[in-house]
Amino acid sequence: MENEKDKMTPEAAMQVLRRKGLIVSREQAEKILCFLYLIAEVAISKYLKIPP
């Protein structure tokens, strides 16, 4: 049950990364977020032993 308002926006990700000294485009931020959500899903599934 995914709620779109609970997701971080690419713009917010860009701001966080910029504060840490990494400048990325909107497209790159979208790809980074997709990757991070995938990794989080896999980690949670593994921890709870739920098949992905």
PDB file of N, CA and C in Angstrom:
ATOM      1  N   MET A   1       0.850  -1.180   0.000  1.00  0.00           N
ATOM      2  CA  MET A   1       0.000   0.000   0.000  1.00  0.00           C
ATOM      3  C   MET A   1       0.890   1.236   0.000  1.00  0.00           C
ATOM      4  N   GLU A   2       1.187   1.687  -1.173  1.00  0.00           N
ATOM      5  CA  GLU A   2       2.125   2.776  -1.353  1.00  0.00           C
ATOM      6  C   GLU A   2       1.366   4.089  -1.474  1.00  0.00           C
ATOM      7  N   ASN A   3       1.751   5.063  -0.679  1.00  0.00           N
ATOM      8  CA  ASN A   3       1.114   6.366  -0.712  1.00  0.00           C
ATOM      9  C   ASN A   3       2.100   7.362  -1.319  1.00  0.00           C
ATOM     10  N   GLU A   4       1.725   7.965  -2.414  1.00  0.00           N
ATOM     11  CA  GLU A   4       2.615   8.865  -3.150  1.00  0.00           C
ATOM     12  C   GLU A   4       3.102  10.028  -2.284  1.00  0.00           C
ATOM     13  N   LYS A   5       2.284  10.522  -1.356  1.00  0.00           N
ATOM     14  CA  LYS A   5       2.720  11.658  -0.549  1.00  0.00           C
ATOM     15  C   LYS A   5       3.762  11.255   0.494  1.00  0.00           C
ATOM     16  N   ASP A   6       3.924   9.961   0.737  1.00  0.00           N
ATOM     17  CA  ASP A   6       4.927   9.500   1.685  1.00  0.00           C
ATOM     18  C   ASP A   6       6.303   9.364   1.050  1.00  0.00           C
ATOM     19  N   LYS A   7       6.369   9.467  -0.270  1.00  0.00           N
ATOM     20  CA  LYS A   7       7.645   9.323  -0.967  1.00  0.00           C
ATOM     21  C   LYS A   7       8.389  10.652  -1.004  1.00  0.00           C
ATOM     22  N   MET A   8       9.704  10.546  -1.004  1.00  0.00           N
ATOM     23  CA  MET A   8      10.549  11.727  -1.152  1.00  0.00           C
ATOM     24  C   MET A   8      10.521  12.147  -2.615  1.00  0.00           C
ATOM     25  N   THR A   9      10.435  13.415  -2.871  1.00  0.00           N
ATOM     26  CA  THR A   9      10.418  13.910  -4.241  1.00  0.00           C
ATOM     27  C   THR A   9      11.849  14.009  -4.766  1.00  0.00           C
ATOM     28  N   PRO A  10      12.014  13.947  -6.085  1.00  0.00           N
ATOM     29  CA  PRO A  10      13.351  14.125  -6.652  1.00  0.00           C
ATOM     30  C   PRO A  10      13.974  15.468  -6.251  1.00  0.00           C
ATOM     31  N   GLU A  11      13.148  16.492  -6.152  1.00  0.00           N
ATOM     32  CA  GLU A  11      13.646  17.813  -5.771  1.00  0.00           C
ATOM     33  C   GLU A  11      14.202  17.794  -4.346  1.00  0.00           C
ATOM     34  N   ALA A  12      13.494  17.116  -3.441  1.00  0.00           N
ATOM     35  CA  ALA A  12      13.971  17.018  -2.059  1.00  0.00           C
ATOM     36  C   ALA A  12      15.274  16.221  -2.005  1.00  0.00           C
ATOM     37  N   ALA A  13      15.354  15.161  -2.780  1.00  0.00           N
ATOM     38  CA  ALA A  13      16.582  14.358  -2.841  1.00  0.00           C
ATOM     39  C   ALA A  13      17.731  15.204  -3.376  1.00  0.00           C
ATOM     40  N   MET A  14      17.452  16.018  -4.397  1.00  0.00           N
ATOM     41  CA  MET A  14      18.480  16.886  -4.962  1.00  0.00           C
ATOM     42  C   MET A  14      19.007  17.854  -3.898  1.00  0.00           C
ATOM     43  N   GLN A  15      18.109  18.394  -3.078  1.00  0.00           N
ATOM     44  CA  GLN A  15      18.516  19.331  -2.031  1.00  0.00           C
ATOM     45  C   GLN A  15      19.389  18.643  -0.988  1.00  0.00           C
ATOM     46  N   VAL A  16      18.987  17.441  -0.566  1.00  0.00           N
ATOM     47  CA  VAL A  16      19.772  16.702   0.425  1.00  0.00           C
ATOM     48  C   VAL A  16      21.156  16.395  -0.127  1.00  0.00           C
ATOM     49  N   LEU A  17      21.204  15.905  -1.351  1.00  0.00           N
ATOM     50  CA  LEU A  17      22.486  15.574  -1.958  1.00  0.00           C
ATOM     51  C   LEU A  17      23.353  16.820  -2.157  1.00  0.00           C
ATOM     52  N   ARG A  18      22.723  17.938  -2.551  1.00  0.00           N
ATOM     53  CA  ARG A  18      23.463  19.185  -2.756  1.00  0.00           C
ATOM     54  C   ARG A  18      24.109  19.643  -1.451  1.00  0.00           C
ATOM     55  N   ARG A  19      23.375  19.492  -0.321  1.00  0.00           N
ATOM     56  CA  ARG A  19      23.940  19.877   0.984  1.00  0.00           C
ATOM     57  C   ARG A  19      25.165  19.042   1.336  1.00  0.00           C
ATOM     58  N   LYS A  20      25.206  17.830   0.798  1.00  0.00           N
ATOM     59  CA  LYS A  20      26.350  16.942   1.048  1.00  0.00           C
ATOM     60  C   LYS A  20      27.433  17.094  -0.026  1.00  0.00           C
ATOM     61  N   GLY A  21      27.240  18.057  -0.941  1.00  0.00           N
ATOM     62  CA  GLY A  21      28.262  18.360  -1.937  1.00  0.00           C
ATOM     63  C   GLY A  21      28.144  17.588  -3.236  1.00  0.00           C
ATOM     64  N   LEU A  22      27.013  16.957  -3.478  1.00  0.00           N
ATOM     65  CA  LEU A  22      26.821  16.178  -4.699  1.00  0.00           C
ATOM     66  C   LEU A  22      25.705  16.823  -5.526  1.00  0.00           C
ATOM     67  N   ILE A  23      26.054  17.318  -6.694  1.00  0.00           N
ATOM     68  CA  ILE A  23      25.093  17.956  -7.587  1.00  0.00           C
ATOM     69  C   ILE A  23      24.603  16.914  -8.598  1.00  0.00           C
ATOM     70  N   VAL A  24      23.290  16.682  -8.626  1.00  0.00           N
ATOM     71  CA  VAL A  24      22.704  15.719  -9.556  1.00  0.00           C
ATOM     72  C   VAL A  24      21.527  16.372 -10.280  1.00  0.00           C
ATOM     73  N   SER A  25      21.216  15.838 -11.458  1.00  0.00           N
ATOM     74  CA  SER A  25      20.063  16.323 -12.207  1.00  0.00           C
ATOM     75  C   SER A  25      18.791  15.684 -11.639  1.00  0.00           C
ATOM     76  N   ARG A  26      17.645  16.182 -12.080  1.00  0.00           N
ATOM     77  CA  ARG A  26      16.367  15.616 -11.633  1.00  0.00           C
ATOM     78  C   ARG A  26      16.269  14.152 -12.049  1.00  0.00           C
ATOM     79  N   GLU A  27      16.692  13.853 -13.263  1.00  0.00           N
ATOM     80  CA  GLU A  27      16.639  12.476 -13.758  1.00  0.00           C
ATOM     81  C   GLU A  27      17.525  11.561 -12.910  1.00  0.00           C
ATOM     82  N   GLN A  28      18.707  12.032 -12.566  1.00  0.00           N
ATOM     83  CA  GLN A  28      19.606  11.236 -11.727  1.00  0.00           C
ATOM     84  C   GLN A  28      18.998  11.029 -10.337  1.00  0.00           C
ATOM     85  N   ALA A  29      18.375  12.072  -9.797  1.00  0.00           N
ATOM     86  CA  ALA A  29      17.740  11.963  -8.478  1.00  0.00           C
ATOM     87  C   ALA A  29      16.611  10.933  -8.510  1.00  0.00           C
ATOM     88  N   GLU A  30      15.836  10.914  -9.605  1.00  0.00           N
ATOM     89  CA  GLU A  30      14.766   9.927  -9.740  1.00  0.00           C
ATOM     90  C   GLU A  30      15.333   8.510  -9.744  1.00  0.00           C
ATOM     91  N   LYS A  31      16.423   8.301 -10.470  1.00  0.00           N
ATOM     92  CA  LYS A  31      17.045   6.981 -10.536  1.00  0.00           C
ATOM     93  C   LYS A  31      17.619   6.574  -9.176  1.00  0.00           C
ATOM     94  N   ILE A  32      18.213   7.517  -8.479  1.00  0.00           N
ATOM     95  CA  ILE A  32      18.758   7.236  -7.147  1.00  0.00           C
ATOM     96  C   ILE A  32      17.631   6.831  -6.205  1.00  0.00           C
ATOM     97  N   LEU A  33      16.528   7.561  -6.234  1.00  0.00           N
ATOM     98  CA  LEU A  33      15.399   7.239  -5.362  1.00  0.00           C
ATOM     99  C   LEU A  33      14.805   5.875  -5.688  1.00  0.00           C
ATOM    100  N   CYS A  34      14.665   5.562  -6.975  1.00  0.00           N
ATOM    101  CA  CYS A  34      14.146   4.241  -7.372  1.00  0.00           C
ATOM    102  C   CYS A  34      15.046   3.143  -6.820  1.00  0.00           C
ATOM    103  N   PHE A  35      16.344   3.329  -6.940  1.00  0.00           N
ATOM    104  CA  PHE A  35      17.293   2.345  -6.430  1.00  0.00           C
ATOM    105  C   PHE A  35      17.176   2.201  -4.912  1.00  0.00           C
ATOM    106  N   LEU A  36      17.094   3.316  -4.210  1.00  0.00           N
ATOM    107  CA  LEU A  36      17.009   3.265  -2.757  1.00  0.00           C
ATOM    108  C   LEU A  36      15.712   2.609  -2.284  1.00  0.00           C
ATOM    109  N   TYR A  37      14.588   2.899  -2.967  1.00  0.00           N
ATOM    110  CA  TYR A  37      13.327   2.245  -2.603  1.00  0.00           C
ATOM    111  C   TYR A  37      13.400   0.747  -2.856  1.00  0.00           C
ATOM    112  N   LEU A  38      14.055   0.344  -3.938  1.00  0.00           N
ATOM    113  CA  LEU A  38      14.218  -1.078  -4.243  1.00  0.00           C
ATOM    114  C   LEU A  38      15.062  -1.760  -3.168  1.00  0.00           C
ATOM    115  N   ILE A  39      16.183  -1.156  -2.807  1.00  0.00           N
ATOM    116  CA  ILE A  39      17.053  -1.717  -1.774  1.00  0.00           C
ATOM    117  C   ILE A  39      16.305  -1.805  -0.443  1.00  0.00           C
ATOM    118  N   ALA A  40      15.539  -0.789  -0.106  1.00  0.00           N
ATOM    119  CA  ALA A  40      14.772  -0.807   1.144  1.00  0.00           C
ATOM    120  C   ALA A  40      13.746  -1.934   1.125  1.00  0.00           C
ATOM    121  N   GLU A  41      13.076  -2.116   0.001  1.00  0.00           N
ATOM    122  CA  GLU A  41      12.074  -3.175  -0.122  1.00  0.00           C
ATOM    123  C   GLU A  41      12.711  -4.553   0.047  1.00  0.00           C
ATOM    124  N   VAL A  42      13.851  -4.760  -0.579  1.00  0.00           N
ATOM    125  CA  VAL A  42      14.562  -6.042  -0.474  1.00  0.00           C
ATOM    126  C   VAL A  42      15.009  -6.272   0.972  1.00  0.00           C
ATOM    127  N   ALA A  43      15.560  -5.255   1.605  1.00  0.00           N
ATOM    128  CA  ALA A  43      16.045  -5.388   2.980  1.00  0.00           C
ATOM    129  C   ALA A  43      14.901  -5.714   3.940  1.00  0.00           C
ATOM    130  N   ILE A  44      13.796  -5.037   3.781  1.00  0.00           N
ATOM    131  CA  ILE A  44      12.641  -5.287   4.656  1.00  0.00           C
ATOM    132  C   ILE A  44      12.075  -6.681   4.411  1.00  0.00           C
ATOM    133  N   SER A  45      11.971  -7.070   3.147  1.00  0.00           N
ATOM    134  CA  SER A  45      11.473  -8.402   2.813  1.00  0.00           C
ATOM    135  C   SER A  45      12.378  -9.483   3.412  1.00  0.00           C
ATOM    136  N   LYS A  46      13.692  -9.274   3.306  1.00  0.00           N
ATOM    137  CA  LYS A  46      14.633 -10.241   3.857  1.00  0.00           C
ATOM    138  C   LYS A  46      14.517 -10.302   5.371  1.00  0.00           C
ATOM    139  N   TYR A  47      14.428  -9.142   5.992  1.00  0.00           N
ATOM    140  CA  TYR A  47      14.329  -9.079   7.458  1.00  0.00           C
ATOM    141  C   TYR A  47      13.053  -9.773   7.943  1.00  0.00           C
ATOM    142  N   LEU A  48      11.945  -9.552   7.241  1.00  0.00           N
ATOM    143  CA  LEU A  48      10.669 -10.158   7.619  1.00  0.00           C
ATOM    144  C   LEU A  48      10.455 -11.519   6.986  1.00  0.00           C
ATOM    145  N   LYS A  49      11.435 -11.946   6.170  1.00  0.00           N
ATOM    146  CA  LYS A  49      11.382 -13.220   5.451  1.00  0.00           C
ATOM    147  C   LYS A  49      10.146 -13.343   4.567  1.00  0.00           C
ATOM    148  N   ILE A  50       9.858 -12.259   3.849  1.00  0.00           N
ATOM    149  CA  ILE A  50       8.756 -12.214   2.886  1.00  0.00           C
ATOM    150  C   ILE A  50       9.369 -12.336   1.492  1.00  0.00           C
ATOM    151  N   PRO A  51       8.870 -13.235   0.650  1.00  0.00           N
ATOM    152  CA  PRO A  51       9.422 -13.312  -0.717  1.00  0.00           C
ATOM    153  C   PRO A  51       9.221 -12.001  -1.467  1.00  0.00           C
ATOM    154  N   PRO A  52      10.251 -11.533  -2.204  1.00  0.00           N
ATOM    155  CA  PRO A  52      10.140 -10.247  -2.938  1.00  0.00           C
ATOM    156  C   PRO A  52       9.119 -10.278  -4.053  1.00  0.00           C
TER     157      PRO A  52
END
